C-alpha cells in the first residue's frame, strides 16, 4: 500500500521504471533542483511518471502538474500537498 508521502527515493524508482536512466546522469546524486530536462526526461517520460504516481498513490493529478513542476523538488511538493489534502479529507 502506498504511503501518505512521495519521497525522493520513490520518485527515483518511478522515474527509472517509467523511462530508465540517462547515461551519465546519477539519479542517486543530489537531483532535487535539477530540471527533468537536465536529467534526460522528456514530456512523454514525465507523463508516464505521473500516471505511475497516480496509480501507486490513488490520486488524480492535474493535467498541468507534470509540465509545471520542472524539478523533482517541485513535483514532490505538488504531489505531497495533494496527498496531504486527500488524507485530511
N, C-alpha and C. Protein backbone atom coordinates (compact mmCIF):
# COMPACT_ATOMS: atom_id res chain seq x y z
N UNK A 1 0.84 -1.19 0.00
CA UNK A 1 0.00 0.00 0.00
C UNK A 1 0.88 1.24 0.00
N UNK A 2 0.48 2.24 -0.76
CA UNK A 2 1.25 3.48 -0.87
C UNK A 2 1.20 4.27 0.42
N UNK A 3 2.31 4.94 0.70
CA UNK A 3 2.37 5.78 1.88
C UNK A 3 1.67 7.10 1.65
N UNK A 4 1.64 7.90 2.70
CA UNK A 4 0.98 9.19 2.61
C UNK A 4 1.89 10.26 2.03
N UNK A 5 3.10 9.87 1.65
CA UNK A 5 4.04 10.85 1.11
C UNK A 5 4.85 10.20 0.00
N UNK A 6 5.12 10.97 -1.04
CA UNK A 6 6.01 10.54 -2.10
C UNK A 6 7.40 11.04 -1.73
N UNK A 7 8.33 10.13 -1.56
CA UNK A 7 9.69 10.51 -1.20
C UNK A 7 10.56 10.62 -2.44
N UNK A 8 11.72 11.21 -2.29
CA UNK A 8 12.65 11.31 -3.42
C UNK A 8 13.06 9.92 -3.88
N UNK A 9 13.19 8.98 -2.95
CA UNK A 9 13.53 7.60 -3.35
C UNK A 9 12.40 6.97 -4.16
N UNK A 10 11.15 7.23 -3.76
CA UNK A 10 10.00 6.75 -4.53
C UNK A 10 10.04 7.33 -5.94
N UNK A 11 10.29 8.63 -6.03
CA UNK A 11 10.30 9.30 -7.32
C UNK A 11 11.42 8.75 -8.20
N UNK A 12 12.59 8.54 -7.66
CA UNK A 12 13.71 7.99 -8.43
C UNK A 12 13.34 6.60 -8.97
N UNK A 13 12.74 5.79 -8.14
CA UNK A 13 12.34 4.44 -8.57
C UNK A 13 11.32 4.53 -9.70
N UNK A 14 10.34 5.40 -9.54
CA UNK A 14 9.30 5.56 -10.56
C UNK A 14 9.90 6.08 -11.87
N UNK A 15 10.80 7.05 -11.79
CA UNK A 15 11.45 7.56 -13.00
C UNK A 15 12.21 6.46 -13.72
N UNK A 16 12.93 5.66 -12.96
CA UNK A 16 13.68 4.55 -13.58
C UNK A 16 12.74 3.53 -14.22
N UNK A 17 11.65 3.21 -13.54
CA UNK A 17 10.69 2.25 -14.09
C UNK A 17 9.97 2.80 -15.31
N UNK A 18 9.65 4.08 -15.29
CA UNK A 18 8.88 4.70 -16.36
C UNK A 18 9.72 4.95 -17.61
N UNK A 19 10.98 5.35 -17.42
CA UNK A 19 11.75 5.79 -18.58
C UNK A 19 13.23 5.45 -18.52
N UNK A 20 13.64 4.68 -17.56
CA UNK A 20 15.06 4.35 -17.47
C UNK A 20 15.86 5.49 -16.88
N UNK A 21 17.15 5.41 -17.09
CA UNK A 21 18.06 6.41 -16.54
C UNK A 21 19.03 6.83 -17.63
N UNK A 22 19.13 8.11 -17.87
CA UNK A 22 20.01 8.66 -18.89
C UNK A 22 21.47 8.32 -18.56
N UNK A 23 22.21 7.87 -19.55
CA UNK A 23 23.61 7.57 -19.34
C UNK A 23 24.34 8.85 -18.93
N UNK A 24 25.18 8.76 -17.94
CA UNK A 24 25.91 9.91 -17.46
C UNK A 24 25.19 10.71 -16.38
N UNK A 25 23.95 10.34 -16.08
CA UNK A 25 23.17 11.01 -15.03
C UNK A 25 23.08 10.06 -13.84
N UNK A 26 23.44 10.55 -12.69
CA UNK A 26 23.38 9.74 -11.47
C UNK A 26 22.16 10.16 -10.66
N UNK A 27 21.09 9.39 -10.79
CA UNK A 27 19.88 9.71 -10.04
C UNK A 27 20.09 9.57 -8.54
N UNK A 28 21.12 8.86 -8.14
CA UNK A 28 21.38 8.71 -6.71
C UNK A 28 22.10 9.92 -6.13
N UNK A 29 22.50 10.85 -6.98
CA UNK A 29 23.12 12.09 -6.51
C UNK A 29 22.06 13.08 -6.06
N UNK A 30 22.47 14.31 -5.85
CA UNK A 30 21.56 15.36 -5.42
C UNK A 30 20.85 15.93 -6.64
N UNK A 31 19.64 15.43 -6.91
CA UNK A 31 18.91 15.82 -8.12
C UNK A 31 17.71 16.71 -7.84
N UNK A 32 17.44 17.02 -6.60
CA UNK A 32 16.21 17.72 -6.25
C UNK A 32 15.98 19.00 -7.05
N UNK A 33 17.03 19.74 -7.34
CA UNK A 33 16.86 21.02 -8.00
C UNK A 33 17.32 21.04 -9.46
N UNK A 34 17.64 19.87 -10.00
CA UNK A 34 17.94 19.78 -11.42
C UNK A 34 16.63 19.68 -12.18
N UNK A 35 16.58 20.25 -13.37
CA UNK A 35 15.36 20.13 -14.15
C UNK A 35 15.24 18.71 -14.70
N UNK A 36 14.00 18.31 -14.96
CA UNK A 36 13.81 16.99 -15.55
C UNK A 36 14.49 16.92 -16.91
N UNK A 37 14.51 18.03 -17.62
CA UNK A 37 15.21 18.08 -18.91
C UNK A 37 16.69 17.79 -18.73
N UNK A 38 17.31 18.40 -17.71
CA UNK A 38 18.73 18.15 -17.43
C UNK A 38 18.97 16.69 -17.04
N UNK A 39 17.96 16.06 -16.46
CA UNK A 39 18.06 14.66 -16.05
C UNK A 39 17.78 13.70 -17.21
N UNK A 40 17.40 14.26 -18.36
CA UNK A 40 17.19 13.45 -19.54
C UNK A 40 15.78 12.93 -19.73
N UNK A 41 14.81 13.52 -19.03
CA UNK A 41 13.42 13.07 -19.14
C UNK A 41 12.61 14.05 -19.97
N UNK A 42 11.97 13.52 -21.01
CA UNK A 42 11.13 14.34 -21.86
C UNK A 42 9.69 14.29 -21.37
N UNK A 43 8.82 14.99 -22.07
CA UNK A 43 7.42 15.09 -21.63
C UNK A 43 6.73 13.73 -21.60
N UNK A 44 7.03 12.85 -22.53
CA UNK A 44 6.42 11.53 -22.55
C UNK A 44 6.83 10.72 -21.32
N UNK A 45 8.10 10.78 -20.97
CA UNK A 45 8.59 10.09 -19.77
C UNK A 45 7.92 10.64 -18.52
N UNK A 46 7.71 11.94 -18.48
CA UNK A 46 7.09 12.56 -17.31
C UNK A 46 5.60 12.24 -17.22
N UNK A 47 4.94 12.11 -18.37
CA UNK A 47 3.53 11.70 -18.36
C UNK A 47 3.40 10.29 -17.80
N UNK A 48 4.30 9.40 -18.20
CA UNK A 48 4.28 8.04 -17.67
C UNK A 48 4.59 8.06 -16.17
N UNK A 49 5.51 8.89 -15.76
CA UNK A 49 5.84 9.03 -14.34
C UNK A 49 4.60 9.49 -13.56
N UNK A 50 3.91 10.49 -14.08
CA UNK A 50 2.70 10.98 -13.44
C UNK A 50 1.64 9.90 -13.32
N UNK A 51 1.47 9.10 -14.38
CA UNK A 51 0.50 8.01 -14.35
C UNK A 51 0.84 6.99 -13.29
N UNK A 52 2.11 6.68 -13.15
CA UNK A 52 2.55 5.70 -12.14
C UNK A 52 2.33 6.26 -10.72
N UNK A 53 2.59 7.53 -10.53
CA UNK A 53 2.35 8.15 -9.23
C UNK A 53 0.87 8.08 -8.90
N UNK A 54 0.03 8.39 -9.87
CA UNK A 54 -1.42 8.33 -9.65
C UNK A 54 -1.86 6.92 -9.25
N UNK A 55 -1.39 5.92 -9.97
CA UNK A 55 -1.79 4.54 -9.66
C UNK A 55 -1.29 4.10 -8.29
N UNK A 56 -0.04 4.38 -8.00
CA UNK A 56 0.54 3.94 -6.73
C UNK A 56 -0.07 4.62 -5.52
N UNK A 57 -0.45 5.88 -5.67
CA UNK A 57 -0.91 6.66 -4.53
C UNK A 57 -2.41 6.94 -4.54
N UNK A 58 -3.09 6.43 -5.56
CA UNK A 58 -4.55 6.57 -5.60
C UNK A 58 -5.03 8.00 -5.69
N UNK A 59 -4.29 8.83 -6.44
CA UNK A 59 -4.69 10.23 -6.62
C UNK A 59 -4.83 10.52 -8.10
N UNK A 60 -5.43 11.65 -8.39
CA UNK A 60 -5.52 12.12 -9.77
C UNK A 60 -4.85 13.49 -9.82
N UNK A 61 -3.76 13.55 -10.56
CA UNK A 61 -3.02 14.80 -10.68
C UNK A 61 -3.64 15.68 -11.75
N UNK A 62 -3.55 16.97 -11.57
CA UNK A 62 -3.99 17.92 -12.59
C UNK A 62 -3.16 17.67 -13.85
N UNK A 63 -3.75 17.92 -15.00
CA UNK A 63 -3.05 17.70 -16.27
C UNK A 63 -1.74 18.49 -16.36
N UNK A 64 -1.72 19.66 -15.76
CA UNK A 64 -0.55 20.53 -15.86
C UNK A 64 0.51 20.27 -14.78
N UNK A 65 0.21 19.43 -13.81
CA UNK A 65 1.14 19.20 -12.70
C UNK A 65 2.52 18.80 -13.20
N UNK A 66 2.56 17.86 -14.09
CA UNK A 66 3.84 17.35 -14.57
C UNK A 66 4.57 18.39 -15.40
N UNK A 67 3.87 19.15 -16.21
CA UNK A 67 4.54 20.13 -17.06
C UNK A 67 4.97 21.37 -16.29
N UNK A 68 4.26 21.71 -15.24
CA UNK A 68 4.59 22.90 -14.46
C UNK A 68 5.74 22.62 -13.48
N UNK A 69 5.76 21.43 -12.92
CA UNK A 69 6.81 21.06 -11.97
C UNK A 69 8.06 20.68 -12.77
N UNK A 70 9.01 21.58 -12.82
CA UNK A 70 10.19 21.37 -13.66
C UNK A 70 11.31 20.60 -12.97
N UNK A 71 11.24 20.46 -11.64
CA UNK A 71 12.29 19.77 -10.90
C UNK A 71 11.68 18.70 -10.00
N UNK A 72 12.47 17.73 -9.59
CA UNK A 72 11.95 16.76 -8.64
C UNK A 72 11.41 17.41 -7.36
N UNK A 73 12.08 18.43 -6.86
CA UNK A 73 11.61 19.10 -5.64
C UNK A 73 10.21 19.69 -5.85
N UNK A 74 9.99 20.33 -6.99
CA UNK A 74 8.69 20.93 -7.28
C UNK A 74 7.61 19.86 -7.43
N UNK A 75 7.94 18.76 -8.10
CA UNK A 75 6.96 17.69 -8.28
C UNK A 75 6.61 17.04 -6.94
N UNK A 76 7.61 16.79 -6.12
CA UNK A 76 7.35 16.22 -4.79
C UNK A 76 6.45 17.13 -3.97
N UNK A 77 6.69 18.43 -4.03
CA UNK A 77 5.88 19.38 -3.26
C UNK A 77 4.42 19.33 -3.70
N UNK A 78 4.18 19.34 -5.00
CA UNK A 78 2.81 19.33 -5.52
C UNK A 78 2.11 18.02 -5.17
N UNK A 79 2.78 16.91 -5.41
CA UNK A 79 2.17 15.60 -5.13
C UNK A 79 1.90 15.45 -3.64
N UNK A 80 2.87 15.80 -2.81
CA UNK A 80 2.69 15.63 -1.37
C UNK A 80 1.64 16.57 -0.80
N UNK A 81 1.50 17.75 -1.38
CA UNK A 81 0.42 18.66 -0.96
C UNK A 81 -0.94 18.03 -1.26
N UNK A 82 -1.05 17.45 -2.43
CA UNK A 82 -2.30 16.81 -2.81
C UNK A 82 -2.57 15.57 -1.94
N UNK A 83 -1.55 14.78 -1.69
CA UNK A 83 -1.72 13.60 -0.83
C UNK A 83 -2.17 14.01 0.57
N UNK A 84 -1.57 15.05 1.12
CA UNK A 84 -1.94 15.52 2.46
C UNK A 84 -3.39 16.00 2.48
N UNK A 85 -3.79 16.73 1.45
CA UNK A 85 -5.15 17.24 1.38
C UNK A 85 -6.16 16.10 1.28
N UNK A 86 -5.85 15.09 0.49
CA UNK A 86 -6.79 13.98 0.31
C UNK A 86 -6.86 13.11 1.56
N UNK A 87 -5.75 12.97 2.28
CA UNK A 87 -5.77 12.17 3.50
C UNK A 87 -6.42 12.91 4.67
N UNK A 88 -6.43 14.25 4.58
CA UNK A 88 -7.05 15.06 5.63
C UNK A 88 -8.58 15.10 5.47
N UNK A 89 -9.03 14.86 4.25
CA UNK A 89 -10.47 14.94 3.96
C UNK A 89 -11.23 13.75 4.53
